[in-house]
Amino acid sequence: GTSIKMATLPLDVQGLLRDLPADVPAWQEMPGNSVIGHVHLRVGNPVLAEEWWNSEFGLDTVHRLTGSAVFLSSGGYHHHIGANSWASRGAGLREEGRAGLAWVEMQSSPDRAGVERRDPWGTVIRTVPTKN
């Protein structure tokens, strides 16, 4: 496969805030029907995560950071899913009631929509029909 070089750089929050027009209202909540291009998941083992996403959703491996992260996508995109163990190496199934991302929805063709799977760390992955 093709290897894409990626960097992990800190987000310049102050720079982003300086670029906002003065009349932009303060954050209240994520607008309904928002779409996020990709998501990063905390996992205990990136190799297991890669195998799971490859087999359960047919995602392609785009890039690996040896032993710490894997980036996956479909259609040759930069990445839709990032799975890293930077703060969770060796973690197992998340305990009930523990803070963390509970679910992710992914758009899919109608014939593949309506599926719900749970990754090895307890995150629920749902497929919903692609919105036109």
N, C-alpha and C. Protein backbone atom coordinates (compact mmCIF):
# COMPACT_ATOMS: atom_id res chain seq x y z
N GLY A 1 0.80 -1.18 0.00
CA GLY A 1 0.00 0.00 0.00
C GLY A 1 0.85 1.25 0.00
N THR A 2 0.24 2.34 -0.24
CA THR A 2 0.89 3.64 -0.26
C THR A 2 0.99 4.18 1.16
N SER A 3 2.15 4.69 1.51
CA SER A 3 2.33 5.28 2.83
C SER A 3 2.23 6.80 2.71
N ILE A 4 1.44 7.38 3.57
CA ILE A 4 1.24 8.83 3.60
C ILE A 4 1.95 9.36 4.83
N LYS A 5 2.75 10.41 4.68
CA LYS A 5 3.41 11.01 5.83
C LYS A 5 2.43 11.92 6.54
N MET A 6 2.34 11.74 7.86
CA MET A 6 1.46 12.57 8.67
C MET A 6 2.24 13.02 9.89
N ALA A 7 1.89 14.17 10.37
CA ALA A 7 2.49 14.69 11.60
C ALA A 7 1.43 14.77 12.67
N THR A 8 1.85 14.70 13.91
CA THR A 8 0.93 14.91 15.03
C THR A 8 1.40 16.18 15.72
N LEU A 9 0.76 17.27 15.36
CA LEU A 9 1.12 18.58 15.89
C LEU A 9 0.03 19.09 16.80
N PRO A 10 0.39 19.85 17.82
CA PRO A 10 -0.65 20.39 18.71
C PRO A 10 -1.52 21.41 17.97
N LEU A 11 -2.79 21.45 18.32
CA LEU A 11 -3.72 22.40 17.74
C LEU A 11 -3.43 23.79 18.30
N ASP A 12 -3.36 24.77 17.43
CA ASP A 12 -3.12 26.16 17.84
C ASP A 12 -4.46 26.81 18.14
N VAL A 13 -5.00 26.53 19.32
CA VAL A 13 -6.32 27.03 19.70
C VAL A 13 -6.34 28.55 19.72
N GLN A 14 -5.35 29.15 20.32
CA GLN A 14 -5.31 30.62 20.41
C GLN A 14 -5.27 31.25 19.01
N GLY A 15 -4.53 30.65 18.10
CA GLY A 15 -4.49 31.15 16.73
C GLY A 15 -5.83 31.06 16.04
N LEU A 16 -6.54 29.95 16.27
CA LEU A 16 -7.88 29.80 15.70
C LEU A 16 -8.83 30.85 16.26
N LEU A 17 -8.76 31.06 17.57
CA LEU A 17 -9.65 32.04 18.19
C LEU A 17 -9.36 33.45 17.69
N ARG A 18 -8.10 33.78 17.45
CA ARG A 18 -7.75 35.11 16.92
C ARG A 18 -8.32 35.32 15.52
N ASP A 19 -8.49 34.24 14.77
CA ASP A 19 -8.99 34.34 13.40
C ASP A 19 -10.50 34.49 13.32
N LEU A 20 -11.21 34.28 14.42
CA LEU A 20 -12.67 34.40 14.40
C LEU A 20 -13.10 35.86 14.32
N PRO A 21 -14.11 36.15 13.52
CA PRO A 21 -14.66 37.51 13.52
C PRO A 21 -15.23 37.84 14.90
N ALA A 22 -15.19 39.09 15.28
CA ALA A 22 -15.63 39.53 16.62
C ALA A 22 -17.11 39.23 16.86
N ASP A 23 -17.94 39.17 15.81
CA ASP A 23 -19.37 38.98 16.01
C ASP A 23 -19.81 37.51 16.04
N VAL A 24 -18.88 36.57 16.07
CA VAL A 24 -19.23 35.16 16.14
C VAL A 24 -19.74 34.87 17.55
N PRO A 25 -20.95 34.29 17.67
CA PRO A 25 -21.51 34.01 19.01
C PRO A 25 -20.68 32.94 19.74
N ALA A 26 -20.77 32.93 21.04
CA ALA A 26 -20.06 31.94 21.85
C ALA A 26 -20.63 30.54 21.57
N TRP A 27 -19.80 29.53 21.74
CA TRP A 27 -20.21 28.14 21.53
C TRP A 27 -21.34 27.77 22.48
N GLN A 28 -22.37 27.14 21.95
CA GLN A 28 -23.48 26.66 22.76
C GLN A 28 -23.56 25.14 22.70
N GLU A 29 -23.60 24.62 21.48
CA GLU A 29 -23.68 23.17 21.29
C GLU A 29 -23.42 22.85 19.83
N MET A 30 -23.16 21.59 19.55
CA MET A 30 -22.96 21.13 18.18
C MET A 30 -24.30 21.22 17.46
N PRO A 31 -24.36 21.89 16.31
CA PRO A 31 -25.63 21.97 15.58
C PRO A 31 -26.12 20.59 15.16
N GLY A 32 -27.44 20.41 15.16
CA GLY A 32 -28.02 19.15 14.71
C GLY A 32 -27.62 18.83 13.29
N ASN A 33 -27.49 17.56 12.98
CA ASN A 33 -27.13 17.05 11.65
C ASN A 33 -25.72 17.44 11.22
N SER A 34 -24.86 17.79 12.19
CA SER A 34 -23.46 18.08 11.86
C SER A 34 -22.78 16.80 11.40
N VAL A 35 -21.80 16.94 10.52
CA VAL A 35 -21.04 15.80 10.03
C VAL A 35 -19.57 16.05 10.36
N ILE A 36 -18.93 15.06 10.95
CA ILE A 36 -17.52 15.13 11.29
C ILE A 36 -16.78 14.24 10.30
N GLY A 37 -15.71 14.74 9.72
CA GLY A 37 -14.99 14.01 8.68
C GLY A 37 -14.21 12.81 9.18
N HIS A 38 -13.69 12.88 10.39
CA HIS A 38 -12.99 11.72 10.94
C HIS A 38 -12.99 11.80 12.46
N VAL A 39 -12.74 10.64 13.07
CA VAL A 39 -12.75 10.55 14.52
C VAL A 39 -11.53 9.76 14.98
N HIS A 40 -10.99 10.15 16.12
CA HIS A 40 -9.89 9.41 16.73
C HIS A 40 -10.39 8.69 17.96
N LEU A 41 -10.06 7.41 18.06
CA LEU A 41 -10.52 6.57 19.16
C LEU A 41 -9.33 6.12 20.01
N ARG A 42 -9.53 6.12 21.32
CA ARG A 42 -8.53 5.59 22.23
C ARG A 42 -8.72 4.08 22.29
N VAL A 43 -7.66 3.35 22.04
CA VAL A 43 -7.71 1.89 22.04
C VAL A 43 -6.56 1.35 22.88
N GLY A 44 -6.65 0.10 23.28
CA GLY A 44 -5.59 -0.53 24.05
C GLY A 44 -4.50 -1.11 23.20
N ASN A 45 -4.84 -1.43 21.93
CA ASN A 45 -3.89 -2.10 21.06
C ASN A 45 -4.19 -1.72 19.61
N PRO A 46 -3.36 -0.87 18.99
CA PRO A 46 -3.62 -0.44 17.62
C PRO A 46 -3.60 -1.58 16.59
N VAL A 47 -2.82 -2.62 16.83
CA VAL A 47 -2.78 -3.75 15.90
C VAL A 47 -4.13 -4.47 15.91
N LEU A 48 -4.68 -4.70 17.09
CA LEU A 48 -6.01 -5.30 17.21
C LEU A 48 -7.08 -4.39 16.61
N ALA A 49 -6.96 -3.08 16.85
CA ALA A 49 -7.92 -2.12 16.28
C ALA A 49 -7.87 -2.17 14.75
N GLU A 50 -6.68 -2.22 14.19
CA GLU A 50 -6.53 -2.29 12.73
C GLU A 50 -7.21 -3.54 12.19
N GLU A 51 -6.95 -4.69 12.81
CA GLU A 51 -7.57 -5.94 12.37
C GLU A 51 -9.09 -5.86 12.47
N TRP A 52 -9.59 -5.28 13.57
CA TRP A 52 -11.04 -5.17 13.77
C TRP A 52 -11.68 -4.30 12.70
N TRP A 53 -11.14 -3.10 12.45
CA TRP A 53 -11.72 -2.19 11.46
C TRP A 53 -11.59 -2.75 10.04
N ASN A 54 -10.49 -3.44 9.75
CA ASN A 54 -10.34 -4.07 8.43
C ASN A 54 -11.40 -5.14 8.23
N SER A 55 -11.62 -6.00 9.23
CA SER A 55 -12.55 -7.11 9.05
C SER A 55 -14.01 -6.71 9.23
N GLU A 56 -14.32 -5.86 10.19
CA GLU A 56 -15.72 -5.52 10.48
C GLU A 56 -16.30 -4.50 9.50
N PHE A 57 -15.49 -3.57 9.02
CA PHE A 57 -16.01 -2.50 8.15
C PHE A 57 -15.29 -2.42 6.81
N GLY A 58 -14.28 -3.24 6.61
CA GLY A 58 -13.56 -3.24 5.33
C GLY A 58 -12.75 -1.98 5.09
N LEU A 59 -12.39 -1.26 6.16
CA LEU A 59 -11.58 -0.05 5.98
C LEU A 59 -10.16 -0.43 5.61
N ASP A 60 -9.52 0.41 4.83
CA ASP A 60 -8.14 0.21 4.41
C ASP A 60 -7.21 0.90 5.40
N THR A 61 -6.07 0.27 5.65
CA THR A 61 -5.05 0.88 6.48
C THR A 61 -4.29 1.90 5.63
N VAL A 62 -4.27 3.15 6.10
CA VAL A 62 -3.60 4.23 5.38
C VAL A 62 -2.19 4.43 5.91
N HIS A 63 -2.04 4.37 7.23
CA HIS A 63 -0.75 4.64 7.84
C HIS A 63 -0.70 4.03 9.23
N ARG A 64 0.50 3.61 9.65
CA ARG A 64 0.72 3.09 11.00
C ARG A 64 1.83 3.89 11.66
N LEU A 65 1.65 4.22 12.92
CA LEU A 65 2.73 4.71 13.77
C LEU A 65 3.07 3.52 14.65
N THR A 66 4.16 2.87 14.37
CA THR A 66 4.50 1.58 14.95
C THR A 66 4.18 1.49 16.43
N GLY A 67 3.28 0.56 16.73
CA GLY A 67 2.94 0.24 18.10
C GLY A 67 2.09 1.26 18.83
N SER A 68 1.75 2.41 18.18
CA SER A 68 1.00 3.41 18.94
C SER A 68 -0.27 3.90 18.26
N ALA A 69 -0.36 3.80 16.94
CA ALA A 69 -1.55 4.32 16.25
C ALA A 69 -1.68 3.70 14.87
N VAL A 70 -2.92 3.71 14.39
CA VAL A 70 -3.21 3.29 13.03
C VAL A 70 -4.29 4.23 12.48
N PHE A 71 -4.22 4.50 11.18
CA PHE A 71 -5.16 5.40 10.52
C PHE A 71 -5.81 4.64 9.37
N LEU A 72 -7.15 4.68 9.32
CA LEU A 72 -7.91 3.86 8.39
C LEU A 72 -8.91 4.70 7.63
N SER A 73 -9.23 4.25 6.40
CA SER A 73 -10.21 4.99 5.60
C SER A 73 -10.82 4.09 4.54
N SER A 74 -11.73 4.68 3.78
CA SER A 74 -12.24 4.03 2.57
C SER A 74 -12.09 5.04 1.44
N GLY A 75 -12.00 4.53 0.25
CA GLY A 75 -11.94 5.39 -0.92
C GLY A 75 -10.67 6.23 -1.04
N GLY A 76 -9.59 5.83 -0.36
CA GLY A 76 -8.32 6.54 -0.48
C GLY A 76 -8.25 7.84 0.30
N TYR A 77 -9.23 8.10 1.18
CA TYR A 77 -9.24 9.32 1.97
C TYR A 77 -8.09 9.32 2.98
N HIS A 78 -7.64 10.49 3.39
CA HIS A 78 -6.56 10.70 4.37
C HIS A 78 -6.74 9.77 5.57
N HIS A 79 -7.83 9.88 6.30
CA HIS A 79 -8.29 8.87 7.26
C HIS A 79 -9.64 9.26 7.81
N HIS A 80 -10.48 8.24 7.99
CA HIS A 80 -11.78 8.42 8.62
C HIS A 80 -11.69 8.06 10.10
N ILE A 81 -10.89 7.04 10.40
CA ILE A 81 -10.72 6.56 11.76
C ILE A 81 -9.24 6.58 12.12
N GLY A 82 -8.94 7.20 13.24
CA GLY A 82 -7.62 7.10 13.85
C GLY A 82 -7.80 6.33 15.15
N ALA A 83 -6.99 5.31 15.37
CA ALA A 83 -7.07 4.53 16.60
C ALA A 83 -5.69 4.57 17.25
N ASN A 84 -5.62 5.17 18.45
CA ASN A 84 -4.31 5.30 19.09
C ASN A 84 -4.35 4.82 20.53
N SER A 85 -3.16 4.46 21.01
CA SER A 85 -3.00 4.01 22.40
C SER A 85 -2.11 4.97 23.18
N TRP A 86 -2.06 6.22 22.76
CA TRP A 86 -1.16 7.19 23.38
C TRP A 86 -1.46 7.38 24.87
N ALA A 87 -2.70 7.30 25.28
CA ALA A 87 -3.05 7.43 26.70
C ALA A 87 -3.84 6.21 27.19
N SER A 88 -3.77 5.11 26.42
CA SER A 88 -4.61 3.96 26.78
C SER A 88 -3.95 2.62 26.47
N ARG A 89 -2.62 2.59 26.39
CA ARG A 89 -1.92 1.33 26.03
C ARG A 89 -2.35 0.21 26.98
N GLY A 90 -2.75 -0.91 26.39
CA GLY A 90 -3.13 -2.08 27.16
C GLY A 90 -4.55 -2.05 27.72
N ALA A 91 -5.29 -0.99 27.46
CA ALA A 91 -6.66 -0.89 27.99
C ALA A 91 -7.53 -1.99 27.41
N GLY A 92 -8.46 -2.44 28.21
CA GLY A 92 -9.46 -3.41 27.77
C GLY A 92 -10.80 -2.73 27.61
N LEU A 93 -11.83 -3.50 27.73
CA LEU A 93 -13.20 -2.99 27.62
C LEU A 93 -13.43 -1.89 28.66
N ARG A 94 -13.93 -0.74 28.21
CA ARG A 94 -14.20 0.38 29.12
C ARG A 94 -15.27 -0.03 30.13
N GLU A 95 -15.02 0.30 31.40
CA GLU A 95 -15.97 -0.04 32.46
C GLU A 95 -17.27 0.73 32.26
N GLU A 96 -18.37 0.11 32.65
CA GLU A 96 -19.69 0.75 32.58
C GLU A 96 -19.67 2.04 33.39
N GLY A 97 -20.19 3.11 32.82
CA GLY A 97 -20.27 4.39 33.52
C GLY A 97 -19.02 5.24 33.46
N ARG A 98 -17.94 4.73 32.88
CA ARG A 98 -16.72 5.52 32.77
C ARG A 98 -16.85 6.52 31.63
N ALA A 99 -16.31 7.72 31.83
CA ALA A 99 -16.37 8.75 30.79
C ALA A 99 -15.65 8.26 29.53
N GLY A 100 -16.16 8.69 28.39
CA GLY A 100 -15.54 8.33 27.13
C GLY A 100 -16.57 8.37 26.01
N LEU A 101 -16.10 8.27 24.81
CA LEU A 101 -16.98 8.28 23.64
C LEU A 101 -17.82 7.00 23.66
N ALA A 102 -19.12 7.15 23.68
CA ALA A 102 -20.01 5.99 23.77
C ALA A 102 -20.31 5.38 22.40
N TRP A 103 -20.45 6.21 21.36
CA TRP A 103 -20.81 5.68 20.05
C TRP A 103 -20.33 6.61 18.93
N VAL A 104 -20.24 6.02 17.75
CA VAL A 104 -19.89 6.73 16.52
C VAL A 104 -20.88 6.27 15.46
N GLU A 105 -21.40 7.19 14.67
CA GLU A 105 -22.25 6.85 13.52
C GLU A 105 -21.46 7.08 12.25
N MET A 106 -21.52 6.10 11.36
CA MET A 106 -20.86 6.21 10.06
C MET A 106 -21.91 6.07 8.98
N GLN A 107 -21.82 6.93 7.97
CA GLN A 107 -22.74 6.82 6.85
C GLN A 107 -22.30 5.69 5.93
N SER A 108 -23.30 4.97 5.42
CA SER A 108 -23.03 3.83 4.57
C SER A 108 -24.14 3.71 3.54
N SER A 109 -23.92 2.89 2.53
CA SER A 109 -24.97 2.65 1.54
C SER A 109 -26.16 2.02 2.23
N PRO A 110 -27.37 2.25 1.70
CA PRO A 110 -28.59 1.73 2.37
C PRO A 110 -28.54 0.24 2.65
N ASP A 111 -27.93 -0.55 1.77
CA ASP A 111 -27.89 -2.00 1.98
C ASP A 111 -26.97 -2.41 3.13
N ARG A 112 -26.07 -1.51 3.56
CA ARG A 112 -25.15 -1.82 4.67
C ARG A 112 -25.50 -1.03 5.93
N ALA A 113 -26.51 -0.16 5.84
CA ALA A 113 -26.90 0.66 6.99
C ALA A 113 -27.70 -0.17 7.98
N GLY A 114 -27.82 0.34 9.18
CA GLY A 114 -28.60 -0.32 10.20
C GLY A 114 -27.82 -1.35 10.99
N VAL A 115 -26.51 -1.41 10.80
CA VAL A 115 -25.67 -2.34 11.53
C VAL A 115 -25.09 -1.63 12.75
N GLU A 116 -24.99 -2.33 13.85
CA GLU A 116 -24.36 -1.79 15.05
C GLU A 116 -23.38 -2.83 15.58
N ARG A 117 -22.13 -2.41 15.76
CA ARG A 117 -21.10 -3.29 16.28
C ARG A 117 -20.42 -2.59 17.45
N ARG A 118 -19.79 -3.36 18.31
CA ARG A 118 -19.06 -2.81 19.46
C ARG A 118 -17.59 -3.20 19.28
N ASP A 119 -16.70 -2.20 19.30
CA ASP A 119 -15.28 -2.51 19.16
C ASP A 119 -14.76 -3.17 20.44
N PRO A 120 -13.54 -3.70 20.43
CA PRO A 120 -13.02 -4.40 21.61
C PRO A 120 -12.90 -3.53 22.87
N TRP A 121 -13.06 -2.22 22.75
CA TRP A 121 -12.95 -1.31 23.89
C TRP A 121 -14.31 -0.77 24.32
N GLY A 122 -15.37 -1.25 23.68
CA GLY A 122 -16.72 -0.91 24.09
C GLY A 122 -17.39 0.21 23.32
N THR A 123 -16.70 0.82 22.37
CA THR A 123 -17.32 1.89 21.59
C THR A 123 -18.27 1.28 20.57
N VAL A 124 -19.50 1.77 20.56
CA VAL A 124 -20.51 1.28 19.62
C VAL A 124 -20.33 2.02 18.29
N ILE A 125 -20.27 1.27 17.21
CA ILE A 125 -20.15 1.84 15.87
C ILE A 125 -21.42 1.49 15.12
N ARG A 126 -22.18 2.53 14.71
CA ARG A 126 -23.44 2.35 14.00
C ARG A 126 -23.27 2.79 12.56
N THR A 127 -23.95 2.10 11.66
CA THR A 127 -24.00 2.58 10.28
C THR A 127 -25.41 3.08 9.99
N VAL A 128 -25.48 4.22 9.35
CA VAL A 128 -26.74 4.84 8.97
C VAL A 128 -26.70 5.13 7.47
N PRO A 129 -27.87 5.23 6.81
CA PRO A 129 -27.87 5.50 5.38
C PRO A 129 -27.18 6.83 5.05
N THR A 130 -26.45 6.84 3.95
CA THR A 130 -25.82 8.06 3.47
C THR A 130 -26.89 9.09 3.17
N LYS A 131 -26.64 10.33 3.63
CA LYS A 131 -27.59 11.43 3.38
C LYS A 131 -27.23 12.08 2.06
N ASN A 132 -28.24 12.34 1.25
CA ASN A 132 -27.98 12.99 -0.04
C ASN A 132 -28.22 14.47 0.03
